[in-house]
């Protein structure tokens, strides 16, 4: 995934002074668990039965960690199409936004057999990390994001507006099947003048248009990895009341979720948006 620069002229790089605001990142417990999940079905495919067993394992992990709420799953469904291929793409993000989050660290090889009623039984074991929070979400903290379309064509400009309900700081990640990037604040280690100013403070109810950096206007352009099929990219908007900059060396789905889940629920708001990138061919 490559973010392309549209214009570079007349850009001045300003000196960045980094201020770190203190935040209570100990407002939650981190609990490691090892559990099993089971699926018993007569007509499910092995793949769907495994998904059901994993869901059961996640619920058991939460119960073992002392969480009684049910898992809520955000499913982002798109139809990916190429010349001769149509398929559904699911991106599931499991969360317990009442007072916990869960990350599956390891999935062990599932065991399959059939019972006396010819039901297929699938058993799976997982290692998981459960973040249990002391405080609930702040209902007064929310985001408004306008301008993102569901479908974009290759090399089409991507722009949007952002309005937070409270003061705070923003990070934007973009994930697809092969790569993950920190879209904002973007940092170019080789060409520093292309980097966004870090630790920008966003005022409540104030509309900000993205991209902010002049080098990427009038919009971000995400280059597709393949020329013969469409791709799905998921934007993750992470807004926090305190300044908690991204400092991890590795960036992938797991490190992003771990970073998010360490932030207390009442101090953050997360917004997910997926877009379909269509090839022009």
C-alpha atoms as a PDB file:
ATOM      1  CA  UNK A   1       0.000   0.000   0.000  1.00  0.00           C
ATOM      2  CA  UNK A   2       1.592   3.250  -1.126  1.00  0.00           C
ATOM      3  CA  UNK A   3       0.360   6.770  -0.429  1.00  0.00           C
ATOM      4  CA  UNK A   4       1.315   8.953  -3.383  1.00  0.00           C
ATOM      5  CA  UNK A   5       2.205  12.641  -3.238  1.00  0.00           C
ATOM      6  CA  UNK A   6       0.253  14.833  -5.651  1.00  0.00           C
ATOM      7  CA  UNK A   7       2.188  18.119  -5.230  1.00  0.00           C
ATOM      8  CA  UNK A   8       5.453  18.913  -3.471  1.00  0.00           C
ATOM      9  CA  UNK A   9       6.243  22.501  -4.423  1.00  0.00           C
ATOM     10  CA  UNK A  10       6.148  25.400  -1.964  1.00  0.00           C
ATOM     11  CA  UNK A  11       6.122  23.142   1.103  1.00  0.00           C
ATOM     12  CA  UNK A  12       7.963  24.288   4.198  1.00  0.00           C
ATOM     13  CA  UNK A  13       8.783  21.865   6.947  1.00  0.00           C
ATOM     14  CA  UNK A  14       8.143  23.347  10.400  1.00  0.00           C
ATOM     15  CA  UNK A  15      10.017  22.445  13.563  1.00  0.00           C
ATOM     16  CA  UNK A  16       7.963  19.951  15.568  1.00  0.00           C
ATOM     17  CA  UNK A  17       7.955  20.193  19.347  1.00  0.00           C
ATOM     18  CA  UNK A  18       6.526  17.099  20.977  1.00  0.00           C
ATOM     19  CA  UNK A  19       4.480  17.457  24.127  1.00  0.00           C
ATOM     20  CA  UNK A  20       3.359  14.330  25.920  1.00  0.00           C
ATOM     21  CA  UNK A  21       0.315  14.695  28.146  1.00  0.00           C
ATOM     22  CA  UNK A  22       0.050  12.308  31.051  1.00  0.00           C
ATOM     23  CA  UNK A  23      -2.654   9.660  30.713  1.00  0.00           C
ATOM     24  CA  UNK A  24      -3.813   6.925  33.009  1.00  0.00           C
ATOM     25  CA  UNK A  25      -3.037   3.798  30.994  1.00  0.00           C
ATOM     26  CA  UNK A  26      -3.356   1.636  34.094  1.00  0.00           C
ATOM     27  CA  UNK A  27      -7.130   2.053  34.208  1.00  0.00           C
ATOM     28  CA  UNK A  28      -7.571  -1.522  33.033  1.00  0.00           C
ATOM     29  CA  UNK A  29      -6.403  -5.060  33.815  1.00  0.00           C
ATOM     30  CA  UNK A  30      -4.597  -7.231  31.273  1.00  0.00           C
ATOM     31  CA  UNK A  31      -5.616 -10.859  31.711  1.00  0.00           C
ATOM     32  CA  UNK A  32      -4.043 -13.806  29.821  1.00  0.00           C
ATOM     33  CA  UNK A  33      -6.251 -16.901  29.371  1.00  0.00           C
ATOM     34  CA  UNK A  34      -6.158 -20.280  27.633  1.00  0.00           C
ATOM     35  CA  UNK A  35      -9.584 -21.696  26.711  1.00  0.00           C
ATOM     36  CA  UNK A  36     -11.460 -24.024  24.378  1.00  0.00           C
ATOM     37  CA  UNK A  37     -14.410 -23.378  22.079  1.00  0.00           C
ATOM     38  CA  UNK A  38     -16.828 -25.854  20.528  1.00  0.00           C
ATOM     39  CA  UNK A  39     -19.191 -25.994  17.569  1.00  0.00           C
ATOM     40  CA  UNK A  40     -21.774 -28.771  17.056  1.00  0.00           C
ATOM     41  CA  UNK A  41     -23.583 -28.658  13.725  1.00  0.00           C
ATOM     42  CA  UNK A  42     -25.279 -30.825  11.144  1.00  0.00           C
ATOM     43  CA  UNK A  43     -25.126 -28.631   8.070  1.00  0.00           C
ATOM     44  CA  UNK A  44     -22.300 -26.109   8.563  1.00  0.00           C
ATOM     45  CA  UNK A  45     -19.173 -26.180   6.424  1.00  0.00           C
ATOM     46  CA  UNK A  46     -15.898 -26.897   8.266  1.00  0.00           C
ATOM     47  CA  UNK A  47     -14.905 -23.246   7.802  1.00  0.00           C
ATOM     48  CA  UNK A  48     -18.143 -21.909   9.299  1.00  0.00           C
ATOM     49  CA  UNK A  49     -18.010 -24.462  12.100  1.00  0.00           C
ATOM     50  CA  UNK A  50     -14.494 -23.277  12.964  1.00  0.00           C
ATOM     51  CA  UNK A  51     -15.726 -19.660  13.072  1.00  0.00           C
ATOM     52  CA  UNK A  52     -18.486 -20.688  15.462  1.00  0.00           C
ATOM     53  CA  UNK A  53     -15.997 -22.568  17.647  1.00  0.00           C
ATOM     54  CA  UNK A  54     -13.715 -19.513  17.739  1.00  0.00           C
ATOM     55  CA  UNK A  55     -16.643 -17.320  18.746  1.00  0.00           C
ATOM     56  CA  UNK A  56     -17.466 -19.761  21.538  1.00  0.00           C
ATOM     57  CA  UNK A  57     -13.810 -19.720  22.626  1.00  0.00           C
ATOM     58  CA  UNK A  58     -13.832 -15.909  22.791  1.00  0.00           C
ATOM     59  CA  UNK A  59     -16.943 -15.962  24.954  1.00  0.00           C
ATOM     60  CA  UNK A  60     -15.324 -18.543  27.221  1.00  0.00           C
ATOM     61  CA  UNK A  61     -12.192 -16.389  27.447  1.00  0.00           C
ATOM     62  CA  UNK A  62     -14.292 -13.445  28.586  1.00  0.00           C
ATOM     63  CA  UNK A  63     -16.115 -15.571  31.143  1.00  0.00           C
ATOM     64  CA  UNK A  64     -12.806 -16.902  32.476  1.00  0.00           C
ATOM     65  CA  UNK A  65     -11.563 -13.300  32.794  1.00  0.00           C
ATOM     66  CA  UNK A  66     -14.687 -12.385  34.765  1.00  0.00           C
ATOM     67  CA  UNK A  67     -16.550 -10.638  31.937  1.00  0.00           C
ATOM     68  CA  UNK A  68     -20.223 -11.541  31.658  1.00  0.00           C
ATOM     69  CA  UNK A  69     -21.236  -9.393  28.679  1.00  0.00           C
ATOM     70  CA  UNK A  70     -21.704 -10.922  25.235  1.00  0.00           C
ATOM     71  CA  UNK A  71     -19.369 -10.262  22.353  1.00  0.00           C
ATOM     72  CA  UNK A  72     -20.523  -7.682  19.835  1.00  0.00           C
ATOM     73  CA  UNK A  73     -18.997  -8.066  16.408  1.00  0.00           C
ATOM     74  CA  UNK A  74     -18.782  -5.358  13.779  1.00  0.00           C
ATOM     75  CA  UNK A  75     -18.996  -7.033  10.347  1.00  0.00           C
ATOM     76  CA  UNK A  76     -17.975  -5.002   7.336  1.00  0.00           C
ATOM     77  CA  UNK A  77     -19.308  -6.720   4.222  1.00  0.00           C
ATOM     78  CA  UNK A  78     -18.220  -5.953   0.704  1.00  0.00           C
ATOM     79  CA  UNK A  79     -18.429  -7.817  -2.572  1.00  0.00           C
ATOM     80  CA  UNK A  80     -15.042  -8.092  -4.233  1.00  0.00           C
ATOM     81  CA  UNK A  81     -15.096  -8.653  -7.957  1.00  0.00           C
ATOM     82  CA  UNK A  82     -12.548  -9.419 -10.617  1.00  0.00           C
ATOM     83  CA  UNK A  83     -13.103 -10.531 -14.198  1.00  0.00           C
ATOM     84  CA  UNK A  84     -14.254 -14.049 -13.331  1.00  0.00           C
ATOM     85  CA  UNK A  85     -14.459 -13.988  -9.564  1.00  0.00           C
ATOM     86  CA  UNK A  86     -17.014 -12.681  -7.091  1.00  0.00           C
ATOM     87  CA  UNK A  87     -16.684 -13.249  -3.380  1.00  0.00           C
ATOM     88  CA  UNK A  88     -17.738 -11.779  -0.077  1.00  0.00           C
ATOM     89  CA  UNK A  89     -15.211 -10.215   2.212  1.00  0.00           C
ATOM     90  CA  UNK A  90     -15.799 -10.118   5.971  1.00  0.00           C
ATOM     91  CA  UNK A  91     -13.735  -8.089   8.367  1.00  0.00           C
ATOM     92  CA  UNK A  92     -14.739  -8.900  11.915  1.00  0.00           C
ATOM     93  CA  UNK A  93     -13.693  -6.731  14.797  1.00  0.00           C
ATOM     94  CA  UNK A  94     -14.700  -8.278  18.105  1.00  0.00           C
ATOM     95  CA  UNK A  95     -15.187  -5.940  21.002  1.00  0.00           C
ATOM     96  CA  UNK A  96     -16.782  -5.673  24.385  1.00  0.00           C
ATOM     97  CA  UNK A  97     -17.319  -1.938  24.498  1.00  0.00           C
ATOM     98  CA  UNK A  98     -19.143  -2.176  27.816  1.00  0.00           C
ATOM     99  CA  UNK A  99     -16.043  -2.854  29.897  1.00  0.00           C
ATOM    100  CA  UNK A 100     -13.619  -5.155  28.050  1.00  0.00           C
ATOM    101  CA  UNK A 101     -11.748  -5.932  24.824  1.00  0.00           C
ATOM    102  CA  UNK A 102     -10.263  -9.219  23.665  1.00  0.00           C
ATOM    103  CA  UNK A 103      -7.388 -10.151  21.352  1.00  0.00           C
ATOM    104  CA  UNK A 104      -6.756 -13.731  20.194  1.00  0.00           C
ATOM    105  CA  UNK A 105      -3.008 -14.280  20.508  1.00  0.00           C
ATOM    106  CA  UNK A 106      -2.763 -17.866  19.251  1.00  0.00           C
ATOM    107  CA  UNK A 107      -5.097 -20.406  17.636  1.00  0.00           C
ATOM    108  CA  UNK A 108      -4.173 -24.064  17.931  1.00  0.00           C
ATOM    109  CA  UNK A 109      -5.077 -26.705  15.348  1.00  0.00           C
ATOM    110  CA  UNK A 110      -8.733 -27.589  15.645  1.00  0.00           C
ATOM    111  CA  UNK A 111     -10.005 -31.107  16.370  1.00  0.00           C
ATOM    112  CA  UNK A 112     -12.902 -32.532  14.345  1.00  0.00           C
ATOM    113  CA  UNK A 113     -15.096 -35.585  14.845  1.00  0.00           C
ATOM    114  CA  UNK A 114     -18.730 -36.699  14.554  1.00  0.00           C
ATOM    115  CA  UNK A 115     -21.083 -37.581  17.404  1.00  0.00           C
ATOM    116  CA  UNK A 116     -23.720 -40.332  17.510  1.00  0.00           C
ATOM    117  CA  UNK A 117     -26.217 -38.063  15.722  1.00  0.00           C
ATOM    118  CA  UNK A 118     -23.829 -37.421  12.792  1.00  0.00           C
ATOM    119  CA  UNK A 119     -23.242 -33.847  13.934  1.00  0.00           C
ATOM    120  CA  UNK A 120     -19.824 -32.438  13.131  1.00  0.00           C
ATOM    121  CA  UNK A 121     -18.028 -31.436  16.330  1.00  0.00           C
ATOM    122  CA  UNK A 122     -15.207 -28.884  16.061  1.00  0.00           C
ATOM    123  CA  UNK A 123     -13.094 -28.029  19.110  1.00  0.00           C
ATOM    124  CA  UNK A 124     -10.490 -25.265  19.057  1.00  0.00           C
ATOM    125  CA  UNK A 125      -8.084 -23.954  21.705  1.00  0.00           C
ATOM    126  CA  UNK A 126      -6.841 -20.374  21.895  1.00  0.00           C
ATOM    127  CA  UNK A 127      -4.585 -18.124  23.913  1.00  0.00           C
ATOM    128  CA  UNK A 128      -6.171 -14.722  24.407  1.00  0.00           C
ATOM    129  CA  UNK A 129      -5.565 -11.402  26.113  1.00  0.00           C
ATOM    130  CA  UNK A 130      -8.542  -9.743  27.774  1.00  0.00           C
ATOM    131  CA  UNK A 131      -8.431  -6.052  28.702  1.00  0.00           C
ATOM    132  CA  UNK A 132     -10.862  -5.393  31.540  1.00  0.00           C
ATOM    133  CA  UNK A 133     -11.664  -1.718  32.151  1.00  0.00           C
ATOM    134  CA  UNK A 134     -12.632   0.098  35.321  1.00  0.00           C
ATOM    135  CA  UNK A 135     -14.684   2.782  33.561  1.00  0.00           C
ATOM    136  CA  UNK A 136     -17.236   2.641  30.762  1.00  0.00           C
ATOM    137  CA  UNK A 137     -17.241   4.606  27.497  1.00  0.00           C
ATOM    138  CA  UNK A 138     -17.884   8.329  27.576  1.00  0.00           C
ATOM    139  CA  UNK A 139     -21.203   8.790  25.696  1.00  0.00           C
ATOM    140  CA  UNK A 140     -20.332  12.445  25.066  1.00  0.00           C
ATOM    141  CA  UNK A 141     -17.250  11.479  23.036  1.00  0.00           C
ATOM    142  CA  UNK A 142     -17.992  10.738  19.387  1.00  0.00           C
ATOM    143  CA  UNK A 143     -16.723  11.489  15.884  1.00  0.00           C
ATOM    144  CA  UNK A 144     -18.332  12.732  12.689  1.00  0.00           C
ATOM    145  CA  UNK A 145     -16.602  11.693   9.471  1.00  0.00           C
ATOM    146  CA  UNK A 146     -18.021  12.831   6.136  1.00  0.00           C
ATOM    147  CA  UNK A 147     -16.874  12.467   2.560  1.00  0.00           C
ATOM    148  CA  UNK A 148     -15.598   8.881   2.551  1.00  0.00           C
ATOM    149  CA  UNK A 149     -17.306   6.898  -0.217  1.00  0.00           C
ATOM    150  CA  UNK A 150     -17.873   3.155  -0.198  1.00  0.00           C
ATOM    151  CA  UNK A 151     -16.143   2.653  -3.559  1.00  0.00           C
ATOM    152  CA  UNK A 152     -13.097   4.326  -5.139  1.00  0.00           C
ATOM    153  CA  UNK A 153     -11.364   3.658  -8.441  1.00  0.00           C
ATOM    154  CA  UNK A 154      -7.620   3.215  -8.755  1.00  0.00           C
ATOM    155  CA  UNK A 155      -5.716   6.519  -8.340  1.00  0.00           C
ATOM    156  CA  UNK A 156      -8.894   8.392  -7.367  1.00  0.00           C
ATOM    157  CA  UNK A 157      -8.382  11.093  -4.726  1.00  0.00           C
ATOM    158  CA  UNK A 158      -9.588  10.162  -1.233  1.00  0.00           C
ATOM    159  CA  UNK A 159     -10.566  13.069   1.013  1.00  0.00           C
ATOM    160  CA  UNK A 160     -12.885  13.494   3.991  1.00  0.00           C
ATOM    161  CA  UNK A 161     -13.782  15.814   6.848  1.00  0.00           C
ATOM    162  CA  UNK A 162     -13.482  15.136  10.566  1.00  0.00           C
ATOM    163  CA  UNK A 163     -15.291  16.699  13.544  1.00  0.00           C
ATOM    164  CA  UNK A 164     -14.764  15.531  17.159  1.00  0.00           C
ATOM    165  CA  UNK A 165     -17.286  16.196  19.919  1.00  0.00           C
ATOM    166  CA  UNK A 166     -14.473  16.903  22.410  1.00  0.00           C
ATOM    167  CA  UNK A 167     -10.901  18.200  22.372  1.00  0.00           C
ATOM    168  CA  UNK A 168      -8.221  15.626  21.687  1.00  0.00           C
ATOM    169  CA  UNK A 169      -5.793  13.894  19.344  1.00  0.00           C
ATOM    170  CA  UNK A 170      -6.232  11.745  16.245  1.00  0.00           C
ATOM    171  CA  UNK A 171      -4.502   8.789  14.615  1.00  0.00           C
ATOM    172  CA  UNK A 172      -5.701   7.152  11.388  1.00  0.00           C
ATOM    173  CA  UNK A 173      -4.620   3.672  10.300  1.00  0.00           C
ATOM    174  CA  UNK A 174      -5.332   1.977   6.973  1.00  0.00           C
ATOM    175  CA  UNK A 175      -5.309  -1.812   6.649  1.00  0.00           C
ATOM    176  CA  UNK A 176      -5.715  -4.128   3.690  1.00  0.00           C
ATOM    177  CA  UNK A 177      -4.982  -7.803   3.056  1.00  0.00           C
ATOM    178  CA  UNK A 178      -1.229  -7.331   2.719  1.00  0.00           C
ATOM    179  CA  UNK A 179      -0.189  -4.127   4.458  1.00  0.00           C
ATOM    180  CA  UNK A 180      -0.910  -1.674   7.262  1.00  0.00           C
ATOM    181  CA  UNK A 181       0.090   2.002   7.426  1.00  0.00           C
ATOM    182  CA  UNK A 182      -0.277   4.966   9.753  1.00  0.00           C
ATOM    183  CA  UNK A 183      -2.046   7.374   7.407  1.00  0.00           C
ATOM    184  CA  UNK A 184      -2.163  10.227   9.927  1.00  0.00           C
ATOM    185  CA  UNK A 185       0.065  11.585  11.296  1.00  0.00           C
ATOM    186  CA  UNK A 186       2.048  10.325   8.323  1.00  0.00           C
ATOM    187  CA  UNK A 187       5.826  10.090   8.742  1.00  0.00           C
ATOM    188  CA  UNK A 188       8.322   9.809   5.878  1.00  0.00           C
ATOM    189  CA  UNK A 189      11.721   8.843   7.272  1.00  0.00           C
ATOM    190  CA  UNK A 190      13.546   9.629   4.025  1.00  0.00           C
ATOM    191  CA  UNK A 191      11.788  12.869   3.061  1.00  0.00           C
ATOM    192  CA  UNK A 192      10.961  14.603   6.313  1.00  0.00           C
ATOM    193  CA  UNK A 193       9.188  17.517   4.627  1.00  0.00           C
ATOM    194  CA  UNK A 194       6.412  15.105   3.617  1.00  0.00           C
ATOM    195  CA  UNK A 195       5.633  14.180   7.226  1.00  0.00           C
ATOM    196  CA  UNK A 196       2.586  15.490   9.054  1.00  0.00           C
ATOM    197  CA  UNK A 197       3.067  17.671  12.102  1.00  0.00           C
ATOM    198  CA  UNK A 198       2.803  15.359  15.068  1.00  0.00           C
ATOM    199  CA  UNK A 199       0.695  15.809  18.196  1.00  0.00           C
ATOM    200  CA  UNK A 200      -1.816  18.134  16.512  1.00  0.00           C
ATOM    201  CA  UNK A 201      -4.547  19.257  18.921  1.00  0.00           C
ATOM    202  CA  UNK A 202      -8.083  19.007  17.527  1.00  0.00           C
ATOM    203  CA  UNK A 203     -10.708  21.356  18.947  1.00  0.00           C
ATOM    204  CA  UNK A 204     -14.185  20.096  19.738  1.00  0.00           C
ATOM    205  CA  UNK A 205     -16.845  20.770  17.093  1.00  0.00           C
ATOM    206  CA  UNK A 206     -14.215  22.141  14.712  1.00  0.00           C
ATOM    207  CA  UNK A 207     -14.267  20.712  11.185  1.00  0.00           C
ATOM    208  CA  UNK A 208     -10.894  19.647   9.732  1.00  0.00           C
ATOM    209  CA  UNK A 209     -10.470  18.550   6.119  1.00  0.00           C
ATOM    210  CA  UNK A 210      -8.121  15.687   5.241  1.00  0.00           C
ATOM    211  CA  UNK A 211      -5.505  15.453   3.950  1.00  0.00           C
ATOM    212  CA  UNK A 212      -4.075  18.261   6.077  1.00  0.00           C
ATOM    213  CA  UNK A 213      -0.579  18.263   4.545  1.00  0.00           C
ATOM    214  CA  UNK A 214      -0.326  20.273   1.310  1.00  0.00           C
ATOM    215  CA  UNK A 215       1.745  17.512  -0.294  1.00  0.00           C
ATOM    216  CA  UNK A 216      -1.243  15.160  -0.381  1.00  0.00           C
ATOM    217  CA  UNK A 217      -3.946  17.582  -1.532  1.00  0.00           C
ATOM    218  CA  UNK A 218      -6.489  17.343  -3.082  1.00  0.00           C
ATOM    219  CA  UNK A 219      -6.624  13.807  -1.656  1.00  0.00           C
ATOM    220  CA  UNK A 220      -4.790  10.661  -0.642  1.00  0.00           C
ATOM    221  CA  UNK A 221      -4.149   8.201  -3.463  1.00  0.00           C
ATOM    222  CA  UNK A 222      -3.745   4.573  -2.431  1.00  0.00           C
ATOM    223  CA  UNK A 223      -1.906   2.500  -5.018  1.00  0.00           C
ATOM    224  CA  UNK A 224      -3.302  -0.985  -5.483  1.00  0.00           C
ATOM    225  CA  UNK A 225      -1.004  -3.950  -4.936  1.00  0.00           C
ATOM    226  CA  UNK A 226      -2.420  -6.033  -7.800  1.00  0.00           C
ATOM    227  CA  UNK A 227      -3.596  -5.068 -11.266  1.00  0.00           C
ATOM    228  CA  UNK A 228      -6.150  -7.813 -11.831  1.00  0.00           C
ATOM    229  CA  UNK A 229      -8.414  -7.689  -8.784  1.00  0.00           C
ATOM    230  CA  UNK A 230     -10.159  -5.254  -6.490  1.00  0.00           C
ATOM    231  CA  UNK A 231      -9.023  -4.581  -2.929  1.00  0.00           C
ATOM    232  CA  UNK A 232     -10.596  -3.618   0.370  1.00  0.00           C
ATOM    233  CA  UNK A 233      -8.997  -1.128   2.745  1.00  0.00           C
ATOM    234  CA  UNK A 234     -10.234  -0.430   6.258  1.00  0.00           C
ATOM    235  CA  UNK A 235      -9.730   2.963   7.913  1.00  0.00           C
ATOM    236  CA  UNK A 236      -9.426   2.972  11.709  1.00  0.00           C
ATOM    237  CA  UNK A 237      -9.901   6.418  13.296  1.00  0.00           C
ATOM    238  CA  UNK A 238      -8.542   6.524  16.864  1.00  0.00           C
ATOM    239  CA  UNK A 239      -9.414   9.685  18.801  1.00  0.00           C
ATOM    240  CA  UNK A 240      -8.095  10.164  22.347  1.00  0.00           C
ATOM    241  CA  UNK A 241      -8.628  12.855  24.966  1.00  0.00           C
ATOM    242  CA  UNK A 242      -4.957  12.773  25.937  1.00  0.00           C
ATOM    243  CA  UNK A 243      -1.963  12.686  23.623  1.00  0.00           C
ATOM    244  CA  UNK A 244      -0.937   9.036  23.258  1.00  0.00           C
ATOM    245  CA  UNK A 245       1.333   8.933  20.185  1.00  0.00           C
ATOM    246  CA  UNK A 246       1.998   5.774  18.199  1.00  0.00           C
ATOM    247  CA  UNK A 247       5.569   4.662  19.038  1.00  0.00           C
ATOM    248  CA  UNK A 248       5.503   0.956  18.135  1.00  0.00           C
ATOM    249  CA  UNK A 249       8.192  -0.352  15.773  1.00  0.00           C
ATOM    250  CA  UNK A 250       5.924  -2.879  14.064  1.00  0.00           C
ATOM    251  CA  UNK A 251       2.581  -1.870  12.625  1.00  0.00           C
ATOM    252  CA  UNK A 252      -0.038  -4.529  11.946  1.00  0.00           C
ATOM    253  CA  UNK A 253      -3.586  -5.349  12.993  1.00  0.00           C
ATOM    254  CA  UNK A 254      -2.520  -6.956  16.277  1.00  0.00           C
ATOM    255  CA  UNK A 255      -0.156  -4.166  17.395  1.00  0.00           C
ATOM    256  CA  UNK A 256      -2.804  -1.552  16.559  1.00  0.00           C
ATOM    257  CA  UNK A 257      -5.481  -3.322  18.600  1.00  0.00           C
ATOM    258  CA  UNK A 258      -3.065  -3.846  21.505  1.00  0.00           C
ATOM    259  CA  UNK A 259      -2.234  -0.129  21.450  1.00  0.00           C
ATOM    260  CA  UNK A 260      -5.909   0.832  21.322  1.00  0.00           C
ATOM    261  CA  UNK A 261      -6.976  -1.553  24.068  1.00  0.00           C
ATOM    262  CA  UNK A 262      -4.360  -0.196  26.483  1.00  0.00           C
ATOM    263  CA  UNK A 263      -6.173   3.150  26.375  1.00  0.00           C
ATOM    264  CA  UNK A 264      -9.047   3.389  28.908  1.00  0.00           C
ATOM    265  CA  UNK A 265     -12.511   3.167  27.375  1.00  0.00           C
ATOM    266  CA  UNK A 266     -13.579   6.575  28.671  1.00  0.00           C
ATOM    267  CA  UNK A 267     -10.508   8.189  27.069  1.00  0.00           C
ATOM    268  CA  UNK A 268     -10.988   7.066  23.465  1.00  0.00           C
ATOM    269  CA  UNK A 269     -13.407   6.746  20.562  1.00  0.00           C
ATOM    270  CA  UNK A 270     -12.817   4.384  17.643  1.00  0.00           C
ATOM    271  CA  UNK A 271     -14.453   4.598  14.220  1.00  0.00           C
ATOM    272  CA  UNK A 272     -14.100   1.962  11.474  1.00  0.00           C
ATOM    273  CA  UNK A 273     -14.768   2.558   7.769  1.00  0.00           C
ATOM    274  CA  UNK A 274     -14.025   0.181   4.891  1.00  0.00           C
ATOM    275  CA  UNK A 275     -13.754   1.161   1.237  1.00  0.00           C
ATOM    276  CA  UNK A 276     -13.580  -0.916  -1.929  1.00  0.00           C
ATOM    277  CA  UNK A 277     -10.765  -0.012  -4.332  1.00  0.00           C
ATOM    278  CA  UNK A 278     -11.776  -1.005  -7.851  1.00  0.00           C
ATOM    279  CA  UNK A 279      -9.354  -1.655 -10.660  1.00  0.00           C
ATOM    280  CA  UNK A 280      -9.895   0.348 -13.828  1.00  0.00           C
ATOM    281  CA  UNK A 281      -9.302  -2.687 -16.082  1.00  0.00           C
END
